[in-house]
Amino acid sequence: MKRSDFNYQLPPQLIAQHPLPERSASRLMVLDGPSGRLSHHRFSELLDFLQPDDLLVFNDTRVIPARLWGRKATGGQVELLIERLTGADTALAHIRASKSPTAGSFIHLSAEAKGEPGAYRLLVTGREGELFCVTAQDGHALTDIMQNIGHMPLPPYIERNDEIADKERYQTVYARREGAVAAPTAGLHFTEELLQQIDARGIRRATVTLHVGAGTFQPVRADDIENHLMHKEYIEVDEIACAAVRETRAWRSCDRDWHDGGALPGVGQCGDGRGESIVRRYRYLHLSRLPFSQRGRDADQFSPAGIHATDAGECLCGSRTCHGRVRAGDRRQLPIFQLR
């Protein structure tokens, strides 16, 4: 599969730079599986395509104000994007500067780009691949620093500075667990009212956590897609979510066909991929063994811990050749939630 297979024209004027006043007023595209027919709707019409035996899988990650600005001791400008918090005062970060900072050097942070440094500073302690290891100094917690002077890391196709409203608008209404540097965008269209209507209709909800990393915007540079190096992200799937999936759909022994049951639409790529992972796991594991740890292969190796998303297929299927997709069944339409 070649990168050129995915070339298409996207006029810049069609990329919204601000969200609509009402979240659920966004457009919704629906794909009919058997016929391949596409139809266009409003997101507020979502319930027309769901039934009471369905299960929606949501990602409850919350975006952190991970973009920071500062200066090196030499006066050079620095832009940081916190990729992952590794402790109360430590993190892995992308750093953009005219010359990469060295281990042992300090970055003096400012509230704005090209602003004067303030009370906060970070120590660069080393590198892990393309990421820099940084430690907050003078007793400050990194979460406090980000809340005080951090900026929301809007995606690169949003060509404007972040605004105060983005701290809440660039979040899903069900965001709970801080750690993402990009929003699970399909979920941005849900409102509290729509969630209440979903519950009232008897449509069930499951929640997983996937902290979306900056690598989600990493361009594909390899001509052959198979050679693209995927980034790693933290994922957590608990027993409650696993049980919900198991109750909604059941595997026949030793094959990929479904018994009758509800559909499993994932909310965007994050929810869909994690729902797929949960379903795959039940071919090999019992519920009592969950959640699972990175790189575990058989049940005795699994322990309560997170797993890198790029390892999920190998851990769950025992092989990277297992590429089956979660299917919503042929009996009705499947909404596609991954709209921006």
C-alpha atoms as a PDB file:
ATOM      1  CA  MET A   1       0.000   0.000   0.000  1.00  0.00           C
ATOM      2  CA  LYS A   2       1.512   3.271  -1.149  1.00  0.00           C
ATOM      3  CA  ARG A   3       1.231   6.702   0.428  1.00  0.00           C
ATOM      4  CA  SER A   4       0.162   8.080  -2.953  1.00  0.00           C
ATOM      5  CA  ASP A   5      -3.004   5.958  -2.715  1.00  0.00           C
ATOM      6  CA  PHE A   6      -4.279   8.395  -0.098  1.00  0.00           C
ATOM      7  CA  ASN A   7      -3.690  11.663  -1.964  1.00  0.00           C
ATOM      8  CA  TYR A   8      -6.723  13.915  -2.212  1.00  0.00           C
ATOM      9  CA  GLN A   9      -7.528  17.601  -2.435  1.00  0.00           C
ATOM     10  CA  LEU A  10      -8.726  19.292   0.758  1.00  0.00           C
ATOM     11  CA  PRO A  11      -9.407  23.011   0.200  1.00  0.00           C
ATOM     12  CA  PRO A  12      -8.218  25.013   3.230  1.00  0.00           C
ATOM     13  CA  GLN A  13     -11.499  26.923   3.360  1.00  0.00           C
ATOM     14  CA  LEU A  14     -13.302  23.668   4.235  1.00  0.00           C
ATOM     15  CA  ILE A  15     -11.309  23.221   7.458  1.00  0.00           C
ATOM     16  CA  ALA A  16     -13.234  24.917  10.261  1.00  0.00           C
ATOM     17  CA  GLN A  17     -11.025  27.104  12.443  1.00  0.00           C
ATOM     18  CA  HIS A  18     -13.620  27.474  15.217  1.00  0.00           C
ATOM     19  CA  PRO A  19     -16.238  25.003  16.457  1.00  0.00           C
ATOM     20  CA  LEU A  20     -19.944  25.537  15.923  1.00  0.00           C
ATOM     21  CA  PRO A  21     -21.801  27.157  18.839  1.00  0.00           C
ATOM     22  CA  GLU A  22     -23.742  23.910  19.358  1.00  0.00           C
ATOM     23  CA  ARG A  23     -21.673  20.715  19.451  1.00  0.00           C
ATOM     24  CA  SER A  24     -24.332  18.381  18.048  1.00  0.00           C
ATOM     25  CA  ALA A  25     -25.088  20.704  15.103  1.00  0.00           C
ATOM     26  CA  SER A  26     -22.057  19.263  13.313  1.00  0.00           C
ATOM     27  CA  ARG A  27     -22.565  17.053  10.284  1.00  0.00           C
ATOM     28  CA  LEU A  28     -22.772  13.259  10.493  1.00  0.00           C
ATOM     29  CA  MET A  29     -21.940  10.905   7.636  1.00  0.00           C
ATOM     30  CA  VAL A  30     -23.566   7.471   7.683  1.00  0.00           C
ATOM     31  CA  LEU A  31     -22.317   4.469   5.710  1.00  0.00           C
ATOM     32  CA  ASP A  32     -24.711   1.628   4.930  1.00  0.00           C
ATOM     33  CA  GLY A  33     -22.555  -1.509   5.113  1.00  0.00           C
ATOM     34  CA  PRO A  34     -24.341  -3.847   2.656  1.00  0.00           C
ATOM     35  CA  SER A  35     -24.923  -1.269  -0.099  1.00  0.00           C
ATOM     36  CA  GLY A  36     -22.046   1.133   0.495  1.00  0.00           C
ATOM     37  CA  ARG A  37     -24.484   4.034   0.267  1.00  0.00           C
ATOM     38  CA  LEU A  38     -23.487   7.267   1.983  1.00  0.00           C
ATOM     39  CA  SER A  39     -25.954   9.710   3.478  1.00  0.00           C
ATOM     40  CA  HIS A  40     -25.461  13.006   5.293  1.00  0.00           C
ATOM     41  CA  HIS A  41     -27.169  14.121   8.473  1.00  0.00           C
ATOM     42  CA  ARG A  42     -26.706  16.209  11.606  1.00  0.00           C
ATOM     43  CA  PHE A  43     -25.023  14.717  14.642  1.00  0.00           C
ATOM     44  CA  SER A  44     -28.154  15.406  16.682  1.00  0.00           C
ATOM     45  CA  GLU A  45     -29.825  12.688  14.558  1.00  0.00           C
ATOM     46  CA  LEU A  46     -27.443  10.027  15.858  1.00  0.00           C
ATOM     47  CA  LEU A  47     -30.162   8.182  17.778  1.00  0.00           C
ATOM     48  CA  ASP A  48     -31.895   7.368  14.498  1.00  0.00           C
ATOM     49  CA  PHE A  49     -29.055   4.958  13.754  1.00  0.00           C
ATOM     50  CA  LEU A  50     -28.725   3.262  17.153  1.00  0.00           C
ATOM     51  CA  GLN A  51     -30.820   0.632  18.909  1.00  0.00           C
ATOM     52  CA  PRO A  52     -31.287  -0.270  22.593  1.00  0.00           C
ATOM     53  CA  ASP A  53     -29.003  -3.324  22.402  1.00  0.00           C
ATOM     54  CA  ASP A  54     -26.035  -1.299  21.112  1.00  0.00           C
ATOM     55  CA  LEU A  55     -22.935  -0.341  23.088  1.00  0.00           C
ATOM     56  CA  LEU A  56     -21.051   2.908  22.496  1.00  0.00           C
ATOM     57  CA  VAL A  57     -17.349   2.898  23.452  1.00  0.00           C
ATOM     58  CA  PHE A  58     -16.075   6.304  24.604  1.00  0.00           C
ATOM     59  CA  ASN A  59     -12.566   7.558  25.356  1.00  0.00           C
ATOM     60  CA  ASP A  60     -12.600   9.612  28.589  1.00  0.00           C
ATOM     61  CA  THR A  61      -9.144  11.173  28.199  1.00  0.00           C
ATOM     62  CA  ARG A  62      -8.821  14.882  28.946  1.00  0.00           C
ATOM     63  CA  VAL A  63      -6.504  17.201  27.031  1.00  0.00           C
ATOM     64  CA  ILE A  64      -3.864  18.964  29.094  1.00  0.00           C
ATOM     65  CA  PRO A  65      -2.549  22.484  28.274  1.00  0.00           C
ATOM     66  CA  ALA A  66       0.647  20.874  27.061  1.00  0.00           C
ATOM     67  CA  ARG A  67       2.159  23.633  24.895  1.00  0.00           C
ATOM     68  CA  LEU A  68       4.760  25.750  26.701  1.00  0.00           C
ATOM     69  CA  TRP A  69       7.052  28.552  25.606  1.00  0.00           C
ATOM     70  CA  GLY A  70      10.407  29.582  26.968  1.00  0.00           C
ATOM     71  CA  ARG A  71      14.015  30.528  26.452  1.00  0.00           C
ATOM     72  CA  LYS A  72      17.325  28.783  26.855  1.00  0.00           C
ATOM     73  CA  ALA A  73      20.023  30.353  29.011  1.00  0.00           C
ATOM     74  CA  THR A  74      21.557  31.661  25.787  1.00  0.00           C
ATOM     75  CA  GLY A  75      18.333  33.547  25.007  1.00  0.00           C
ATOM     76  CA  GLY A  76      17.184  31.253  22.188  1.00  0.00           C
ATOM     77  CA  GLN A  77      13.443  30.742  21.825  1.00  0.00           C
ATOM     78  CA  VAL A  78      12.001  27.341  22.701  1.00  0.00           C
ATOM     79  CA  GLU A  79       8.610  25.736  22.155  1.00  0.00           C
ATOM     80  CA  LEU A  80       7.724  22.617  24.143  1.00  0.00           C
ATOM     81  CA  LEU A  81       4.923  20.118  23.749  1.00  0.00           C
ATOM     82  CA  ILE A  82       4.572  17.809  26.716  1.00  0.00           C
ATOM     83  CA  GLU A  83       4.024  14.347  25.264  1.00  0.00           C
ATOM     84  CA  ARG A  84       3.627  12.368  28.461  1.00  0.00           C
ATOM     85  CA  LEU A  85       3.818  13.059  32.180  1.00  0.00           C
ATOM     86  CA  THR A  86       6.088  10.527  33.841  1.00  0.00           C
ATOM     87  CA  GLY A  87       5.819  11.865  37.404  1.00  0.00           C
ATOM     88  CA  ALA A  88       4.650  14.835  39.436  1.00  0.00           C
ATOM     89  CA  ASP A  89       7.508  16.986  38.125  1.00  0.00           C
ATOM     90  CA  THR A  90       8.875  14.995  35.181  1.00  0.00           C
ATOM     91  CA  ALA A  91       7.771  14.509  31.583  1.00  0.00           C
ATOM     92  CA  LEU A  92       8.781  13.554  28.070  1.00  0.00           C
ATOM     93  CA  ALA A  93       8.463  16.449  25.663  1.00  0.00           C
ATOM     94  CA  HIS A  94       8.942  17.505  22.071  1.00  0.00           C
ATOM     95  CA  ILE A  95      11.193  20.578  21.924  1.00  0.00           C
ATOM     96  CA  ARG A  96      11.473  22.932  18.984  1.00  0.00           C
ATOM     97  CA  ALA A  97      14.458  25.281  19.000  1.00  0.00           C
ATOM     98  CA  SER A  98      17.090  26.579  16.605  1.00  0.00           C
ATOM     99  CA  LYS A  99      19.526  24.264  18.365  1.00  0.00           C
ATOM    100  CA  SER A 100      18.457  21.325  20.525  1.00  0.00           C
ATOM    101  CA  PRO A 101      19.068  21.855  24.246  1.00  0.00           C
ATOM    102  CA  THR A 102      21.631  19.605  25.882  1.00  0.00           C
ATOM    103  CA  ALA A 103      21.325  17.530  29.037  1.00  0.00           C
ATOM    104  CA  GLY A 104      21.914  19.699  32.082  1.00  0.00           C
ATOM    105  CA  SER A 105      20.621  22.891  30.500  1.00  0.00           C
ATOM    106  CA  PHE A 106      17.670  24.941  31.771  1.00  0.00           C
ATOM    107  CA  ILE A 107      14.636  26.290  29.952  1.00  0.00           C
ATOM    108  CA  HIS A 108      13.079  29.384  31.503  1.00  0.00           C
ATOM    109  CA  LEU A 109       9.358  29.386  30.778  1.00  0.00           C
ATOM    110  CA  SER A 110       7.159  32.289  29.764  1.00  0.00           C
ATOM    111  CA  ALA A 111       3.390  32.695  29.547  1.00  0.00           C
ATOM    112  CA  GLU A 112       3.421  33.552  25.838  1.00  0.00           C
ATOM    113  CA  ALA A 113       5.540  32.951  22.770  1.00  0.00           C
ATOM    114  CA  LYS A 114       8.504  35.357  22.790  1.00  0.00           C
ATOM    115  CA  GLY A 115       7.426  36.552  26.230  1.00  0.00           C
ATOM    116  CA  GLU A 116       9.665  37.384  29.155  1.00  0.00           C
ATOM    117  CA  PRO A 117      10.632  34.383  31.346  1.00  0.00           C
ATOM    118  CA  GLY A 118       8.801  34.086  34.644  1.00  0.00           C
ATOM    119  CA  ALA A 119       9.152  32.013  37.795  1.00  0.00           C
ATOM    120  CA  TYR A 120       9.082  28.579  36.193  1.00  0.00           C
ATOM    121  CA  ARG A 121      11.982  26.658  34.722  1.00  0.00           C
ATOM    122  CA  LEU A 122      12.656  23.157  33.470  1.00  0.00           C
ATOM    123  CA  LEU A 123      15.853  21.104  33.546  1.00  0.00           C
ATOM    124  CA  VAL A 124      16.633  18.991  30.496  1.00  0.00           C
ATOM    125  CA  THR A 125      17.961  15.700  31.877  1.00  0.00           C
ATOM    126  CA  GLY A 126      18.379  13.620  28.722  1.00  0.00           C
ATOM    127  CA  ARG A 127      16.607  12.119  25.745  1.00  0.00           C
ATOM    128  CA  GLU A 128      14.493   9.098  24.857  1.00  0.00           C
ATOM    129  CA  GLY A 129      14.623   8.883  21.095  1.00  0.00           C
ATOM    130  CA  GLU A 130      13.103  12.052  19.666  1.00  0.00           C
ATOM    131  CA  LEU A 131      11.690  13.098  23.047  1.00  0.00           C
ATOM    132  CA  PHE A 132      13.455  15.149  25.712  1.00  0.00           C
ATOM    133  CA  CYS A 133      13.306  14.284  29.421  1.00  0.00           C
ATOM    134  CA  VAL A 134      12.479  17.393  31.455  1.00  0.00           C
ATOM    135  CA  THR A 135      12.089  18.031  35.183  1.00  0.00           C
ATOM    136  CA  ALA A 136      10.285  20.975  36.780  1.00  0.00           C
ATOM    137  CA  GLN A 137      12.457  22.932  39.208  1.00  0.00           C
ATOM    138  CA  ASP A 138      12.043  24.830  42.498  1.00  0.00           C
ATOM    139  CA  GLY A 139       9.340  22.561  43.893  1.00  0.00           C
ATOM    140  CA  HIS A 140       6.738  23.256  41.200  1.00  0.00           C
ATOM    141  CA  ALA A 141       4.559  20.439  39.862  1.00  0.00           C
ATOM    142  CA  LEU A 142       4.354  20.224  36.088  1.00  0.00           C
ATOM    143  CA  THR A 143       0.571  20.019  36.200  1.00  0.00           C
ATOM    144  CA  ASP A 144       0.466  23.325  38.089  1.00  0.00           C
ATOM    145  CA  ILE A 145       2.844  24.928  35.601  1.00  0.00           C
ATOM    146  CA  MET A 146       0.701  23.835  32.675  1.00  0.00           C
ATOM    147  CA  GLN A 147      -2.504  25.023  34.298  1.00  0.00           C
ATOM    148  CA  ASN A 148      -0.955  28.430  35.009  1.00  0.00           C
ATOM    149  CA  ILE A 149       0.887  29.208  31.766  1.00  0.00           C
ATOM    150  CA  GLY A 150       0.266  26.261  29.433  1.00  0.00           C
ATOM    151  CA  HIS A 151      -1.616  26.556  26.160  1.00  0.00           C
ATOM    152  CA  MET A 152      -4.038  24.099  24.595  1.00  0.00           C
ATOM    153  CA  PRO A 153      -2.225  22.084  21.896  1.00  0.00           C
ATOM    154  CA  LEU A 154      -4.575  22.718  18.989  1.00  0.00           C
ATOM    155  CA  PRO A 155      -3.876  20.482  15.979  1.00  0.00           C
ATOM    156  CA  PRO A 156      -1.727  21.837  13.141  1.00  0.00           C
ATOM    157  CA  TYR A 157      -4.688  22.213  10.769  1.00  0.00           C
ATOM    158  CA  ILE A 158      -6.166  24.810  13.181  1.00  0.00           C
ATOM    159  CA  GLU A 159      -4.154  27.821  12.057  1.00  0.00           C
ATOM    160  CA  ARG A 160      -4.827  30.198  14.927  1.00  0.00           C
ATOM    161  CA  ASN A 161      -3.638  30.729  18.473  1.00  0.00           C
ATOM    162  CA  ASP A 162      -5.497  28.971  21.248  1.00  0.00           C
ATOM    163  CA  GLU A 163      -8.155  30.943  23.099  1.00  0.00           C
ATOM    164  CA  ILE A 164      -9.561  30.790  26.624  1.00  0.00           C
ATOM    165  CA  ALA A 165     -12.685  29.006  25.351  1.00  0.00           C
ATOM    166  CA  ASP A 166     -10.537  26.182  23.934  1.00  0.00           C
ATOM    167  CA  LYS A 167      -9.732  24.901  27.431  1.00  0.00           C
ATOM    168  CA  GLU A 168     -13.269  23.526  27.592  1.00  0.00           C
ATOM    169  CA  ARG A 169     -14.349  23.428  23.955  1.00  0.00           C
ATOM    170  CA  TYR A 170     -11.332  21.333  22.925  1.00  0.00           C
ATOM    171  CA  GLN A 171     -12.540  18.660  25.361  1.00  0.00           C
ATOM    172  CA  THR A 172     -15.334  16.130  25.227  1.00  0.00           C
ATOM    173  CA  VAL A 173     -18.126  16.721  27.746  1.00  0.00           C
ATOM    174  CA  TYR A 174     -17.274  13.345  29.301  1.00  0.00           C
ATOM    175  CA  ALA A 175     -13.512  13.967  29.587  1.00  0.00           C
ATOM    176  CA  ARG A 176     -12.294  12.839  33.009  1.00  0.00           C
ATOM    177  CA  ARG A 177      -8.688  11.634  33.035  1.00  0.00           C
ATOM    178  CA  GLU A 178      -5.965  14.114  32.145  1.00  0.00           C
ATOM    179  CA  GLY A 179      -3.132  13.058  29.887  1.00  0.00           C
ATOM    180  CA  ALA A 180      -3.906  13.645  26.188  1.00  0.00           C
ATOM    181  CA  VAL A 181      -2.210  16.250  24.013  1.00  0.00           C
ATOM    182  CA  ALA A 182      -4.897  15.968  21.329  1.00  0.00           C
ATOM    183  CA  ALA A 183      -8.629  15.557  21.726  1.00  0.00           C
ATOM    184  CA  PRO A 184     -10.489  12.422  20.583  1.00  0.00           C
ATOM    185  CA  THR A 185     -12.175  14.624  18.004  1.00  0.00           C
ATOM    186  CA  ALA A 186     -15.186  12.484  17.113  1.00  0.00           C
ATOM    187  CA  GLY A 187     -16.378  12.731  20.709  1.00  0.00           C
ATOM    188  CA  LEU A 188     -16.405  16.527  20.606  1.00  0.00           C
ATOM    189  CA  HIS A 189     -19.873  16.416  19.003  1.00  0.00           C
ATOM    190  CA  PHE A 190     -21.633  14.811  21.976  1.00  0.00           C
ATOM    191  CA  THR A 191     -23.587  17.005  24.398  1.00  0.00           C
ATOM    192  CA  GLU A 192     -24.861  16.228  27.889  1.00  0.00           C
ATOM    193  CA  GLU A 193     -28.388  16.285  26.490  1.00  0.00           C
ATOM    194  CA  LEU A 194     -27.514  13.769  23.783  1.00  0.00           C
ATOM    195  CA  LEU A 195     -25.864  11.469  26.327  1.00  0.00           C
ATOM    196  CA  GLN A 196     -29.016  11.617  28.462  1.00  0.00           C
ATOM    197  CA  GLN A 197     -31.099  10.688  25.406  1.00  0.00           C
ATOM    198  CA  ILE A 198     -28.746   7.770  24.706  1.00  0.00           C
ATOM    199  CA  ASP A 199     -29.182   6.494  28.251  1.00  0.00           C
ATOM    200  CA  ALA A 200     -32.963   6.949  28.131  1.00  0.00           C
ATOM    201  CA  ARG A 201     -33.124   4.931  24.889  1.00  0.00           C
ATOM    202  CA  GLY A 202     -31.419   1.994  26.627  1.00  0.00           C
ATOM    203  CA  ILE A 203     -28.218   2.281  24.606  1.00  0.00           C
ATOM    204  CA  ARG A 204     -25.329   1.329  26.821  1.00  0.00           C
ATOM    205  CA  ARG A 205     -22.013   3.097  27.231  1.00  0.00           C
ATOM    206  CA  ALA A 206     -18.529   1.784  27.998  1.00  0.00           C
ATOM    207  CA  THR A 207     -15.490   3.890  28.782  1.00  0.00           C
ATOM    208  CA  VAL A 208     -11.823   3.315  28.017  1.00  0.00           C
ATOM    209  CA  THR A 209      -8.860   5.664  28.395  1.00  0.00           C
ATOM    210  CA  LEU A 210      -6.404   6.384  25.618  1.00  0.00           C
ATOM    211  CA  HIS A 211      -4.166   9.413  26.077  1.00  0.00           C
ATOM    212  CA  VAL A 212      -3.781  10.652  22.507  1.00  0.00           C
ATOM    213  CA  GLY A 213      -0.191  11.675  21.822  1.00  0.00           C
ATOM    214  CA  ALA A 214       1.318  14.262  19.508  1.00  0.00           C
ATOM    215  CA  GLY A 215       2.307  11.448  17.171  1.00  0.00           C
ATOM    216  CA  THR A 216      -1.289  11.346  15.966  1.00  0.00           C
ATOM    217  CA  PHE A 217      -0.356  14.332  13.767  1.00  0.00           C
ATOM    218  CA  GLN A 218       2.959  12.875  12.642  1.00  0.00           C
ATOM    219  CA  PRO A 219       3.116  12.886   8.838  1.00  0.00           C
ATOM    220  CA  VAL A 220       3.632   9.620   6.994  1.00  0.00           C
ATOM    221  CA  ARG A 221       6.982  10.001   5.263  1.00  0.00           C
ATOM    222  CA  ALA A 222       7.533   6.417   4.079  1.00  0.00           C
ATOM    223  CA  ASP A 223       6.399   5.733   0.509  1.00  0.00           C
ATOM    224  CA  ASP A 224       5.297   2.259   1.591  1.00  0.00           C
ATOM    225  CA  ILE A 225       2.699   2.549   4.382  1.00  0.00           C
ATOM    226  CA  GLU A 226       3.953  -0.715   5.894  1.00  0.00           C
ATOM    227  CA  ASN A 227       7.241   1.022   6.727  1.00  0.00           C
ATOM    228  CA  HIS A 228       5.638   3.842   8.705  1.00  0.00           C
ATOM    229  CA  LEU A 229       6.686   3.757  12.360  1.00  0.00           C
ATOM    230  CA  MET A 230       3.632   4.190  14.564  1.00  0.00           C
ATOM    231  CA  HIS A 231       3.901   6.111  17.815  1.00  0.00           C
ATOM    232  CA  LYS A 232       2.969   4.671  21.193  1.00  0.00           C
ATOM    233  CA  GLU A 233       0.112   5.844  23.382  1.00  0.00           C
ATOM    234  CA  TYR A 234      -1.082   4.893  26.850  1.00  0.00           C
ATOM    235  CA  ILE A 235      -4.294   2.862  26.951  1.00  0.00           C
ATOM    236  CA  GLU A 236      -6.267   1.530  29.881  1.00  0.00           C
ATOM    237  CA  VAL A 237      -9.229  -0.838  29.557  1.00  0.00           C
ATOM    238  CA  ASP A 238     -10.848  -2.008  32.785  1.00  0.00           C
ATOM    239  CA  GLU A 239     -12.965  -5.049  33.569  1.00  0.00           C
ATOM    240  CA  ILE A 240     -16.197  -3.054  33.461  1.00  0.00           C
ATOM    241  CA  ALA A 241     -15.628  -2.139  29.810  1.00  0.00           C
ATOM    242  CA  CYS A 242     -14.603  -5.680  28.967  1.00  0.00           C
ATOM    243  CA  ALA A 243     -17.730  -7.113  30.584  1.00  0.00           C
ATOM    244  CA  ALA A 244     -19.934  -4.644  28.709  1.00  0.00           C
ATOM    245  CA  VAL A 245     -18.428  -5.693  25.382  1.00  0.00           C
ATOM    246  CA  ARG A 246     -18.722  -9.355  26.246  1.00  0.00           C
ATOM    247  CA  GLU A 247     -22.384  -8.986  27.116  1.00  0.00           C
ATOM    248  CA  THR A 248     -23.115  -7.040  23.942  1.00  0.00           C
ATOM    249  CA  ARG A 249     -21.498  -9.376  21.436  1.00  0.00           C
ATOM    250  CA  ALA A 250     -20.338 -12.986  21.686  1.00  0.00           C
ATOM    251  CA  TRP A 251     -17.777 -14.813  19.582  1.00  0.00           C
ATOM    252  CA  ARG A 252     -18.549 -18.218  18.167  1.00  0.00           C
ATOM    253  CA  SER A 253     -15.807 -20.633  19.166  1.00  0.00           C
ATOM    254  CA  CYS A 254     -12.775 -20.546  16.879  1.00  0.00           C
ATOM    255  CA  ASP A 255     -14.128 -18.278  14.152  1.00  0.00           C
ATOM    256  CA  ARG A 256     -14.910 -14.615  13.478  1.00  0.00           C
ATOM    257  CA  ASP A 257     -18.681 -14.785  13.067  1.00  0.00           C
ATOM    258  CA  TRP A 258     -21.071 -13.091  15.468  1.00  0.00           C
ATOM    259  CA  HIS A 259     -24.059 -14.339  17.380  1.00  0.00           C
ATOM    260  CA  ASP A 260     -27.024 -11.989  17.241  1.00  0.00           C
ATOM    261  CA  GLY A 261     -26.434  -9.012  19.485  1.00  0.00           C
ATOM    262  CA  GLY A 262     -25.958  -5.287  19.636  1.00  0.00           C
ATOM    263  CA  ALA A 263     -23.623  -3.276  17.475  1.00  0.00           C
ATOM    264  CA  LEU A 264     -20.327  -1.971  18.847  1.00  0.00           C
ATOM    265  CA  PRO A 265     -19.776   1.445  17.281  1.00  0.00           C
ATOM    266  CA  GLY A 266     -16.664   3.071  18.680  1.00  0.00           C
ATOM    267  CA  VAL A 267     -16.673   6.837  19.038  1.00  0.00           C
ATOM    268  CA  GLY A 268     -13.944   7.729  16.574  1.00  0.00           C
ATOM    269  CA  GLN A 269     -10.647   5.970  15.989  1.00  0.00           C
ATOM    270  CA  CYS A 270      -9.813   5.844  19.708  1.00  0.00           C
ATOM    271  CA  GLY A 271     -13.060   4.202  20.756  1.00  0.00           C
ATOM    272  CA  ASP A 272     -13.258   1.949  17.720  1.00  0.00           C
ATOM    273  CA  GLY A 273      -9.713   0.652  18.040  1.00  0.00           C
ATOM    274  CA  ARG A 274     -10.065  -0.019  21.734  1.00  0.00           C
ATOM    275  CA  GLY A 275     -13.395  -1.766  21.265  1.00  0.00           C
ATOM    276  CA  GLU A 276     -11.721  -3.926  18.663  1.00  0.00           C
ATOM    277  CA  SER A 277      -8.963  -4.758  21.127  1.00  0.00           C
ATOM    278  CA  ILE A 278     -11.422  -5.758  23.844  1.00  0.00           C
ATOM    279  CA  VAL A 279     -13.296  -8.091  21.520  1.00  0.00           C
ATOM    280  CA  ARG A 280     -10.099  -9.691  20.218  1.00  0.00           C
ATOM    281  CA  ARG A 281      -8.937 -10.388  23.740  1.00  0.00           C
ATOM    282  CA  TYR A 282     -11.846 -12.695  24.523  1.00  0.00           C
ATOM    283  CA  ARG A 283     -10.531 -15.287  22.128  1.00  0.00           C
ATOM    284  CA  TYR A 284      -7.641 -15.877  24.541  1.00  0.00           C
ATOM    285  CA  LEU A 285      -8.341 -14.574  28.028  1.00  0.00           C
ATOM    286  CA  HIS A 286     -10.825 -14.862  30.859  1.00  0.00           C
ATOM    287  CA  LEU A 287     -12.300 -11.734  32.406  1.00  0.00           C
ATOM    288  CA  SER A 288     -10.645 -12.434  35.754  1.00  0.00           C
ATOM    289  CA  ARG A 289      -7.240 -11.871  34.162  1.00  0.00           C
ATOM    290  CA  LEU A 290      -7.891  -8.256  33.139  1.00  0.00           C
ATOM    291  CA  PRO A 291      -6.630  -5.582  32.785  1.00  0.00           C
ATOM    292  CA  PHE A 292      -3.408  -6.572  31.108  1.00  0.00           C
ATOM    293  CA  SER A 293       0.190  -5.454  30.950  1.00  0.00           C
ATOM    294  CA  GLN A 294       2.350  -4.518  28.010  1.00  0.00           C
ATOM    295  CA  ARG A 295       3.749  -7.399  25.946  1.00  0.00           C
ATOM    296  CA  GLY A 296       1.922 -10.127  27.923  1.00  0.00           C
ATOM    297  CA  ARG A 297       1.331 -13.215  25.790  1.00  0.00           C
ATOM    298  CA  ASP A 298      -0.567 -15.712  27.949  1.00  0.00           C
ATOM    299  CA  ALA A 299      -2.977 -15.242  30.780  1.00  0.00           C
ATOM    300  CA  ASP A 300      -0.484 -15.696  33.614  1.00  0.00           C
ATOM    301  CA  GLN A 301       1.550 -12.728  32.377  1.00  0.00           C
ATOM    302  CA  PHE A 302      -1.315 -10.242  32.576  1.00  0.00           C
ATOM    303  CA  SER A 303      -1.417  -7.714  35.406  1.00  0.00           C
ATOM    304  CA  PRO A 304      -3.149  -4.381  36.214  1.00  0.00           C
ATOM    305  CA  ALA A 305      -1.230  -1.935  34.055  1.00  0.00           C
ATOM    306  CA  GLY A 306      -1.437   0.098  30.857  1.00  0.00           C
ATOM    307  CA  ILE A 307      -0.502  -1.115  27.407  1.00  0.00           C
ATOM    308  CA  HIS A 308       0.925   0.749  24.453  1.00  0.00           C
ATOM    309  CA  ALA A 309      -1.661   0.940  21.691  1.00  0.00           C
ATOM    310  CA  THR A 310       0.796  -0.222  19.024  1.00  0.00           C
ATOM    311  CA  ASP A 311       1.404  -3.413  21.020  1.00  0.00           C
ATOM    312  CA  ALA A 312      -2.294  -4.202  21.487  1.00  0.00           C
ATOM    313  CA  GLY A 313      -2.654  -6.260  18.317  1.00  0.00           C
ATOM    314  CA  GLU A 314       0.351  -8.403  19.147  1.00  0.00           C
ATOM    315  CA  CYS A 315      -0.692  -8.939  22.762  1.00  0.00           C
ATOM    316  CA  LEU A 316      -4.302  -9.736  21.976  1.00  0.00           C
ATOM    317  CA  CYS A 317      -3.883 -11.839  18.854  1.00  0.00           C
ATOM    318  CA  GLY A 318      -0.499 -13.396  19.587  1.00  0.00           C
ATOM    319  CA  SER A 319       0.683 -12.203  16.176  1.00  0.00           C
ATOM    320  CA  ARG A 320       0.915  -8.985  14.206  1.00  0.00           C
ATOM    321  CA  THR A 321      -0.770 -10.799  11.297  1.00  0.00           C
ATOM    322  CA  CYS A 322      -4.159 -10.668  13.026  1.00  0.00           C
ATOM    323  CA  HIS A 323      -5.919  -7.733  11.349  1.00  0.00           C
ATOM    324  CA  GLY A 324      -9.628  -8.532  11.810  1.00  0.00           C
ATOM    325  CA  ARG A 325     -11.940  -5.558  12.351  1.00  0.00           C
ATOM    326  CA  VAL A 326     -14.853  -5.291  14.752  1.00  0.00           C
ATOM    327  CA  ARG A 327     -17.988  -5.538  12.643  1.00  0.00           C
ATOM    328  CA  ALA A 328     -21.293  -3.868  13.421  1.00  0.00           C
ATOM    329  CA  GLY A 329     -23.233  -6.570  11.581  1.00  0.00           C
ATOM    330  CA  ASP A 330     -25.000  -6.482   8.259  1.00  0.00           C
ATOM    331  CA  ARG A 331     -28.452  -5.835   9.601  1.00  0.00           C
ATOM    332  CA  ARG A 332     -28.398  -2.038   9.732  1.00  0.00           C
ATOM    333  CA  GLN A 333     -26.436   1.125   9.131  1.00  0.00           C
ATOM    334  CA  LEU A 334     -23.316   2.099  11.044  1.00  0.00           C
ATOM    335  CA  PRO A 335     -22.699   5.765  11.901  1.00  0.00           C
ATOM    336  CA  ILE A 336     -19.202   7.037  11.233  1.00  0.00           C
ATOM    337  CA  PHE A 337     -18.280   9.365  14.083  1.00  0.00           C
ATOM    338  CA  GLN A 338     -14.801  10.409  12.955  1.00  0.00           C
ATOM    339  CA  LEU A 339     -15.763  13.870  11.717  1.00  0.00           C
ATOM    340  CA  ARG A 340     -13.910  17.090  12.445  1.00  0.00           C
END
